[in-house]
């Protein structure tokens, strides 16, 4: 199972783009709007940056062209998460959840840590992810 791209955690723009199209195909402008919404305004993708990233994600087979249509004389593509992209995004979401759980535990924030554990467990039971790995890379039995 592929859990990372080039054996590294996803960069935030990639994570945000994949998240933006995880629930439905979207065209470029809609992806940019979703990225801004998901990031609570922290990330605003410029057109050139967005389309460069979309081309890279297409090459990596993390996304696919869902539909192409001509709108007002211009070609408009919508993009969807490819199966490999869904797998990578699910693994990254679980990795982030585990890190947040550990931070929450170390901060002594109890209930918030339980919510993160529940999130991680839901991905495990969905079949999208393999065994849970601990911070040392070993399989965690939980």
N, C-alpha and C. Protein backbone atom coordinates (compact mmCIF):
# COMPACT_ATOMS: atom_id res chain seq x y z
N UNK A 1 0.84 -1.18 0.00
CA UNK A 1 0.00 0.00 0.00
C UNK A 1 0.89 1.25 0.00
N UNK A 2 0.53 2.23 -0.78
CA UNK A 2 1.25 3.49 -0.85
C UNK A 2 0.72 4.39 0.26
N UNK A 3 1.62 4.87 1.10
CA UNK A 3 1.17 5.76 2.16
C UNK A 3 1.79 7.13 2.07
N UNK A 4 2.80 7.27 1.25
CA UNK A 4 3.46 8.56 1.11
C UNK A 4 3.91 8.73 -0.33
N UNK A 5 4.15 9.98 -0.71
CA UNK A 5 4.68 10.28 -2.02
C UNK A 5 6.16 10.52 -1.85
N UNK A 6 6.98 9.82 -2.63
CA UNK A 6 8.44 9.94 -2.54
C UNK A 6 8.93 9.71 -1.12
N UNK A 7 8.26 8.83 -0.37
CA UNK A 7 8.62 8.45 0.99
C UNK A 7 8.70 9.64 1.95
N UNK A 8 7.87 10.67 1.71
CA UNK A 8 7.82 11.84 2.58
C UNK A 8 6.37 12.15 2.91
N UNK A 9 6.18 12.84 4.03
CA UNK A 9 4.84 13.32 4.37
C UNK A 9 4.42 14.32 3.29
N UNK A 10 3.12 14.45 3.09
CA UNK A 10 2.61 15.40 2.10
C UNK A 10 2.90 16.83 2.54
N UNK A 11 3.26 17.67 1.57
CA UNK A 11 3.39 19.09 1.85
C UNK A 11 1.98 19.66 2.01
N UNK A 12 1.84 20.74 2.77
CA UNK A 12 0.51 21.28 3.07
C UNK A 12 -0.30 21.61 1.82
N UNK A 13 0.26 22.25 0.79
CA UNK A 13 -0.57 22.54 -0.39
C UNK A 13 -1.13 21.27 -1.03
N UNK A 14 -0.31 20.22 -1.10
CA UNK A 14 -0.78 18.95 -1.67
C UNK A 14 -1.88 18.36 -0.80
N UNK A 15 -1.68 18.36 0.50
CA UNK A 15 -2.68 17.86 1.44
C UNK A 15 -4.00 18.61 1.26
N UNK A 16 -3.92 19.92 1.14
CA UNK A 16 -5.13 20.74 1.00
C UNK A 16 -5.84 20.49 -0.32
N UNK A 17 -5.09 20.35 -1.40
CA UNK A 17 -5.71 20.09 -2.71
C UNK A 17 -6.40 18.73 -2.71
N UNK A 18 -5.72 17.71 -2.20
CA UNK A 18 -6.32 16.37 -2.17
C UNK A 18 -7.57 16.37 -1.27
N UNK A 19 -7.50 17.08 -0.17
CA UNK A 19 -8.65 17.18 0.73
C UNK A 19 -9.81 17.90 0.03
N UNK A 20 -9.48 18.93 -0.73
CA UNK A 20 -10.52 19.73 -1.42
C UNK A 20 -11.34 18.90 -2.40
N UNK A 21 -10.74 17.87 -2.99
CA UNK A 21 -11.48 17.06 -3.97
C UNK A 21 -11.81 15.66 -3.45
N UNK A 22 -11.61 15.44 -2.16
CA UNK A 22 -11.86 14.11 -1.59
C UNK A 22 -13.34 13.73 -1.61
N UNK A 23 -14.22 14.72 -1.48
CA UNK A 23 -15.64 14.41 -1.41
C UNK A 23 -16.38 14.59 -2.73
N UNK A 24 -15.79 15.34 -3.67
CA UNK A 24 -16.46 15.58 -4.95
C UNK A 24 -15.47 16.17 -5.94
N UNK A 25 -15.63 15.86 -7.24
CA UNK A 25 -14.78 16.49 -8.25
C UNK A 25 -15.01 18.01 -8.27
N UNK A 26 -13.93 18.74 -8.57
CA UNK A 26 -14.04 20.20 -8.64
C UNK A 26 -13.13 20.73 -9.74
N UNK A 27 -13.49 21.87 -10.30
CA UNK A 27 -12.62 22.55 -11.27
C UNK A 27 -11.66 23.45 -10.49
N UNK A 28 -10.68 23.99 -11.19
CA UNK A 28 -9.59 24.74 -10.55
C UNK A 28 -10.03 25.83 -9.61
N UNK A 29 -10.92 26.71 -10.05
CA UNK A 29 -11.35 27.81 -9.20
C UNK A 29 -12.03 27.29 -7.93
N UNK A 30 -12.85 26.27 -8.07
CA UNK A 30 -13.53 25.69 -6.90
C UNK A 30 -12.52 25.05 -5.95
N UNK A 31 -11.47 24.43 -6.51
CA UNK A 31 -10.42 23.84 -5.66
C UNK A 31 -9.74 24.95 -4.85
N UNK A 32 -9.40 26.06 -5.52
CA UNK A 32 -8.76 27.18 -4.83
C UNK A 32 -9.64 27.70 -3.71
N UNK A 33 -10.95 27.81 -3.95
CA UNK A 33 -11.88 28.27 -2.92
C UNK A 33 -11.93 27.29 -1.74
N UNK A 34 -11.97 25.99 -2.04
CA UNK A 34 -12.02 24.97 -0.99
C UNK A 34 -10.73 24.97 -0.17
N UNK A 35 -9.59 25.12 -0.83
CA UNK A 35 -8.30 25.17 -0.13
C UNK A 35 -8.31 26.33 0.87
N UNK A 36 -8.78 27.48 0.44
CA UNK A 36 -8.84 28.63 1.34
C UNK A 36 -9.78 28.36 2.51
N UNK A 37 -10.92 27.74 2.22
CA UNK A 37 -11.91 27.42 3.26
C UNK A 37 -11.34 26.39 4.26
N UNK A 38 -10.77 25.30 3.74
CA UNK A 38 -10.23 24.24 4.60
C UNK A 38 -9.11 24.78 5.49
N UNK A 39 -8.28 25.66 4.93
CA UNK A 39 -7.14 26.20 5.68
C UNK A 39 -7.53 27.40 6.54
N UNK A 40 -8.83 27.69 6.59
CA UNK A 40 -9.34 28.82 7.36
C UNK A 40 -8.66 30.13 6.95
N UNK A 41 -8.44 30.26 5.63
CA UNK A 41 -7.87 31.49 5.07
C UNK A 41 -6.36 31.58 5.10
N UNK A 42 -5.67 30.59 5.67
CA UNK A 42 -4.21 30.63 5.75
C UNK A 42 -3.56 30.43 4.40
N UNK A 43 -4.19 29.66 3.51
CA UNK A 43 -3.59 29.34 2.22
C UNK A 43 -4.49 29.83 1.10
N UNK A 44 -3.93 30.70 0.27
CA UNK A 44 -4.62 31.20 -0.92
C UNK A 44 -3.74 30.82 -2.10
N UNK A 45 -4.24 29.92 -2.93
CA UNK A 45 -3.43 29.43 -4.05
C UNK A 45 -3.58 30.32 -5.26
N UNK A 46 -2.46 30.79 -5.77
CA UNK A 46 -2.46 31.55 -7.01
C UNK A 46 -2.69 30.59 -8.17
N UNK A 47 -3.21 31.12 -9.25
CA UNK A 47 -3.57 30.30 -10.40
C UNK A 47 -2.40 29.45 -10.90
N UNK A 48 -1.25 30.07 -11.12
CA UNK A 48 -0.08 29.35 -11.63
C UNK A 48 0.38 28.25 -10.69
N UNK A 49 0.37 28.55 -9.40
CA UNK A 49 0.76 27.56 -8.38
C UNK A 49 -0.21 26.40 -8.37
N UNK A 50 -1.51 26.71 -8.39
CA UNK A 50 -2.54 25.67 -8.36
C UNK A 50 -2.42 24.75 -9.57
N UNK A 51 -2.37 25.33 -10.77
CA UNK A 51 -2.35 24.48 -11.97
C UNK A 51 -1.05 23.71 -12.11
N UNK A 52 0.05 24.27 -11.62
CA UNK A 52 1.31 23.53 -11.58
C UNK A 52 1.20 22.33 -10.66
N UNK A 53 0.58 22.54 -9.50
CA UNK A 53 0.39 21.45 -8.54
C UNK A 53 -0.55 20.39 -9.11
N UNK A 54 -1.62 20.82 -9.78
CA UNK A 54 -2.56 19.86 -10.37
C UNK A 54 -1.86 19.00 -11.42
N UNK A 55 -1.01 19.59 -12.24
CA UNK A 55 -0.26 18.82 -13.24
C UNK A 55 0.65 17.80 -12.57
N UNK A 56 1.33 18.21 -11.50
CA UNK A 56 2.21 17.30 -10.77
C UNK A 56 1.41 16.15 -10.16
N UNK A 57 0.26 16.46 -9.57
CA UNK A 57 -0.59 15.43 -8.96
C UNK A 57 -1.16 14.48 -10.02
N UNK A 58 -1.43 15.00 -11.21
CA UNK A 58 -1.86 14.13 -12.32
C UNK A 58 -0.73 13.16 -12.70
N UNK A 59 0.48 13.69 -12.82
CA UNK A 59 1.65 12.85 -13.16
C UNK A 59 1.89 11.77 -12.10
N UNK A 60 1.65 12.11 -10.84
CA UNK A 60 1.86 11.16 -9.74
C UNK A 60 0.68 10.21 -9.56
N UNK A 61 -0.34 10.38 -10.39
CA UNK A 61 -1.56 9.57 -10.37
C UNK A 61 -2.30 9.65 -9.03
N UNK A 62 -2.22 10.82 -8.39
CA UNK A 62 -2.96 11.05 -7.16
C UNK A 62 -4.33 11.63 -7.47
N UNK A 63 -4.46 12.31 -8.60
CA UNK A 63 -5.73 12.84 -9.06
C UNK A 63 -5.92 12.44 -10.52
N UNK A 64 -7.14 12.60 -11.00
CA UNK A 64 -7.46 12.30 -12.40
C UNK A 64 -8.39 13.38 -12.92
N UNK A 65 -8.37 13.57 -14.24
CA UNK A 65 -9.32 14.50 -14.84
C UNK A 65 -10.67 13.81 -14.83
N UNK A 66 -11.63 14.46 -14.21
CA UNK A 66 -12.98 13.90 -14.10
C UNK A 66 -13.79 14.24 -15.34
N UNK A 67 -13.66 15.50 -15.79
CA UNK A 67 -14.47 15.96 -16.91
C UNK A 67 -13.80 17.16 -17.56
N UNK A 68 -13.96 17.27 -18.86
CA UNK A 68 -13.49 18.45 -19.58
C UNK A 68 -14.68 19.01 -20.36
N UNK A 69 -14.85 20.33 -20.27
CA UNK A 69 -15.94 20.95 -21.01
C UNK A 69 -15.50 22.35 -21.43
N UNK A 70 -16.13 22.86 -22.48
CA UNK A 70 -15.85 24.21 -22.93
C UNK A 70 -16.89 25.14 -22.32
N UNK A 71 -16.41 26.14 -21.58
CA UNK A 71 -17.28 27.12 -20.95
C UNK A 71 -16.81 28.50 -21.41
N UNK A 72 -17.71 29.26 -22.05
CA UNK A 72 -17.37 30.58 -22.57
C UNK A 72 -16.13 30.54 -23.46
N UNK A 73 -16.03 29.50 -24.30
CA UNK A 73 -14.92 29.39 -25.24
C UNK A 73 -13.62 28.92 -24.63
N UNK A 74 -13.62 28.57 -23.35
CA UNK A 74 -12.40 28.09 -22.68
C UNK A 74 -12.60 26.68 -22.16
N UNK A 75 -11.54 25.89 -22.27
CA UNK A 75 -11.58 24.52 -21.75
C UNK A 75 -11.55 24.57 -20.23
N UNK A 76 -12.48 23.85 -19.61
CA UNK A 76 -12.52 23.77 -18.15
C UNK A 76 -12.48 22.30 -17.76
N UNK A 77 -11.52 21.97 -16.90
CA UNK A 77 -11.37 20.61 -16.39
C UNK A 77 -11.84 20.55 -14.95
N UNK A 78 -12.43 19.42 -14.62
CA UNK A 78 -12.67 19.16 -13.20
C UNK A 78 -11.82 17.95 -12.83
N UNK A 79 -11.39 17.95 -11.59
CA UNK A 79 -10.46 16.94 -11.10
C UNK A 79 -11.10 16.15 -9.97
N UNK A 80 -10.74 14.87 -9.91
CA UNK A 80 -11.23 13.98 -8.85
C UNK A 80 -10.04 13.26 -8.23
N UNK A 81 -10.23 12.81 -7.03
CA UNK A 81 -9.22 12.02 -6.35
C UNK A 81 -9.11 10.65 -7.02
N UNK A 82 -7.91 10.25 -7.40
CA UNK A 82 -7.67 8.93 -7.98
C UNK A 82 -7.57 7.92 -6.83
N UNK A 83 -7.73 6.62 -7.12
CA UNK A 83 -7.62 5.62 -6.05
C UNK A 83 -6.31 5.74 -5.25
N UNK A 84 -5.20 5.95 -5.93
CA UNK A 84 -3.92 6.12 -5.23
C UNK A 84 -3.94 7.37 -4.36
N UNK A 85 -4.55 8.43 -4.84
CA UNK A 85 -4.66 9.66 -4.07
C UNK A 85 -5.50 9.48 -2.82
N UNK A 86 -6.58 8.71 -2.94
CA UNK A 86 -7.43 8.43 -1.78
C UNK A 86 -6.64 7.66 -0.73
N UNK A 87 -5.85 6.70 -1.17
CA UNK A 87 -5.03 5.90 -0.25
C UNK A 87 -3.98 6.77 0.45
N UNK A 88 -3.31 7.61 -0.32
CA UNK A 88 -2.28 8.49 0.24
C UNK A 88 -2.90 9.49 1.21
N UNK A 89 -4.04 10.09 0.83
CA UNK A 89 -4.70 11.06 1.71
C UNK A 89 -5.18 10.42 3.00
N UNK A 90 -5.75 9.24 2.92
CA UNK A 90 -6.22 8.54 4.12
C UNK A 90 -5.05 8.23 5.06
N UNK A 91 -3.94 7.78 4.49
CA UNK A 91 -2.76 7.48 5.31
C UNK A 91 -2.21 8.74 5.97
N UNK A 92 -2.19 9.83 5.22
CA UNK A 92 -1.68 11.09 5.77
C UNK A 92 -2.60 11.62 6.87
N UNK A 93 -3.90 11.52 6.66
CA UNK A 93 -4.85 11.97 7.68
C UNK A 93 -4.66 11.16 8.97
N UNK A 94 -4.45 9.86 8.84
CA UNK A 94 -4.24 9.02 10.02
C UNK A 94 -2.91 9.35 10.70
N UNK A 95 -1.87 9.63 9.90
CA UNK A 95 -0.56 10.00 10.46
C UNK A 95 -0.69 11.29 11.26
N UNK A 96 -1.38 12.26 10.70
CA UNK A 96 -1.57 13.54 11.39
C UNK A 96 -2.39 13.33 12.67
N UNK A 97 -3.41 12.48 12.60
CA UNK A 97 -4.24 12.20 13.78
C UNK A 97 -3.41 11.56 14.89
N UNK A 98 -2.51 10.62 14.51
CA UNK A 98 -1.66 9.98 15.53
C UNK A 98 -0.72 10.99 16.18
N UNK A 99 -0.17 11.89 15.36
CA UNK A 99 0.73 12.91 15.89
C UNK A 99 -0.04 13.84 16.83
N UNK A 100 -1.25 14.24 16.43
CA UNK A 100 -2.08 15.10 17.28
C UNK A 100 -2.44 14.38 18.57
N UNK A 101 -2.71 13.08 18.48
CA UNK A 101 -3.04 12.31 19.68
C UNK A 101 -1.86 12.29 20.64
N UNK A 102 -0.67 12.10 20.10
CA UNK A 102 0.52 12.07 20.97
C UNK A 102 0.76 13.45 21.59
N UNK A 103 0.60 14.50 20.82
CA UNK A 103 0.76 15.86 21.36
C UNK A 103 -0.27 16.12 22.45
N UNK A 104 -1.51 15.70 22.21
CA UNK A 104 -2.59 15.88 23.17
C UNK A 104 -2.29 15.11 24.46
N UNK A 105 -1.80 13.89 24.30
CA UNK A 105 -1.45 13.07 25.47
C UNK A 105 -0.35 13.74 26.28
N UNK A 106 0.67 14.22 25.60
CA UNK A 106 1.80 14.83 26.31
C UNK A 106 1.41 16.15 26.97
N UNK A 107 0.41 16.82 26.42
CA UNK A 107 -0.07 18.07 27.01
C UNK A 107 -1.08 17.82 28.12
N UNK A 108 -1.51 16.57 28.27
CA UNK A 108 -2.47 16.23 29.30
C UNK A 108 -3.87 16.74 29.02
N UNK A 109 -4.27 16.72 27.75
CA UNK A 109 -5.57 17.26 27.37
C UNK A 109 -6.65 16.19 27.23
N UNK A 110 -6.45 15.02 27.75
CA UNK A 110 -7.40 13.92 27.85
C UNK A 110 -8.48 13.75 26.79
N UNK A 111 -9.62 14.39 26.92
CA UNK A 111 -10.79 14.16 26.06
C UNK A 111 -10.49 14.43 24.60
N UNK A 112 -9.68 15.44 24.32
CA UNK A 112 -9.35 15.74 22.92
C UNK A 112 -8.55 14.58 22.32
N UNK A 113 -7.70 13.96 23.13
CA UNK A 113 -6.93 12.81 22.66
C UNK A 113 -7.81 11.63 22.31
N UNK A 114 -8.89 11.44 23.06
CA UNK A 114 -9.82 10.34 22.78
C UNK A 114 -10.52 10.56 21.45
N UNK A 115 -10.84 11.81 21.13
CA UNK A 115 -11.49 12.11 19.85
C UNK A 115 -10.56 11.79 18.69
N UNK A 116 -9.28 12.11 18.84
CA UNK A 116 -8.31 11.82 17.79
C UNK A 116 -8.15 10.32 17.63
N UNK A 117 -8.11 9.58 18.72
CA UNK A 117 -7.99 8.13 18.66
C UNK A 117 -9.19 7.52 17.94
N UNK A 118 -10.37 8.06 18.19
CA UNK A 118 -11.57 7.58 17.53
C UNK A 118 -11.50 7.82 16.03
N UNK A 119 -11.00 8.99 15.63
CA UNK A 119 -10.82 9.33 14.22
C UNK A 119 -9.88 8.32 13.55
N UNK A 120 -8.75 8.07 14.19
CA UNK A 120 -7.76 7.13 13.66
C UNK A 120 -8.37 5.73 13.54
N UNK A 121 -9.11 5.29 14.54
CA UNK A 121 -9.73 3.97 14.54
C UNK A 121 -10.74 3.84 13.40
N UNK A 122 -11.46 4.92 13.10
CA UNK A 122 -12.45 4.84 12.02
C UNK A 122 -11.78 4.59 10.68
N UNK A 123 -10.57 5.16 10.46
CA UNK A 123 -9.85 4.89 9.23
C UNK A 123 -9.37 3.44 9.18
N UNK A 124 -8.95 2.92 10.31
CA UNK A 124 -8.47 1.54 10.36
C UNK A 124 -9.59 0.57 9.98
N UNK A 125 -10.78 0.79 10.52
CA UNK A 125 -11.89 -0.13 10.26
C UNK A 125 -12.47 0.06 8.87
N UNK A 126 -12.17 1.18 8.22
CA UNK A 126 -12.69 1.42 6.87
C UNK A 126 -11.97 0.54 5.84
N UNK A 127 -10.82 0.01 6.21
CA UNK A 127 -10.05 -0.80 5.26
C UNK A 127 -9.15 0.03 4.37
N UNK A 128 -9.15 1.35 4.54
CA UNK A 128 -8.29 2.20 3.72
C UNK A 128 -6.84 2.15 4.14
N UNK A 129 -6.60 1.77 5.39
CA UNK A 129 -5.24 1.78 5.91
C UNK A 129 -4.83 0.41 6.42
N UNK A 130 -3.54 0.20 6.43
CA UNK A 130 -2.98 -1.03 6.96
C UNK A 130 -2.78 -0.91 8.46
N UNK A 131 -1.83 -1.67 9.01
CA UNK A 131 -1.60 -1.65 10.45
C UNK A 131 -1.12 -0.29 10.92
N UNK A 132 -1.45 0.02 12.16
CA UNK A 132 -1.03 1.28 12.77
C UNK A 132 0.44 1.19 13.13
N UNK A 133 1.20 2.21 12.73
CA UNK A 133 2.62 2.25 13.05
C UNK A 133 2.87 3.27 14.15
N UNK A 134 3.74 2.91 15.09
CA UNK A 134 4.08 3.83 16.17
C UNK A 134 5.15 4.81 15.73
N UNK A 135 5.59 5.66 16.63
CA UNK A 135 6.58 6.67 16.30
C UNK A 135 7.93 6.06 15.96
N UNK A 136 8.18 4.83 16.40
CA UNK A 136 9.43 4.16 16.06
C UNK A 136 9.31 3.32 14.79
N UNK A 137 8.16 3.33 14.13
CA UNK A 137 7.98 2.59 12.89
C UNK A 137 7.44 1.18 13.07
N UNK A 138 7.38 0.70 14.34
CA UNK A 138 6.85 -0.64 14.60
C UNK A 138 5.34 -0.65 14.62
N UNK A 139 4.76 -1.84 14.40
CA UNK A 139 3.30 -2.00 14.42
C UNK A 139 2.80 -1.91 15.86
N UNK A 140 1.74 -1.11 16.04
CA UNK A 140 1.12 -0.92 17.35
C UNK A 140 -0.11 -1.80 17.41
N UNK A 141 -0.21 -2.60 18.45
CA UNK A 141 -1.39 -3.46 18.62
C UNK A 141 -2.41 -2.74 19.48
N UNK A 142 -3.37 -2.09 18.84
CA UNK A 142 -4.42 -1.41 19.59
C UNK A 142 -5.71 -1.42 18.82
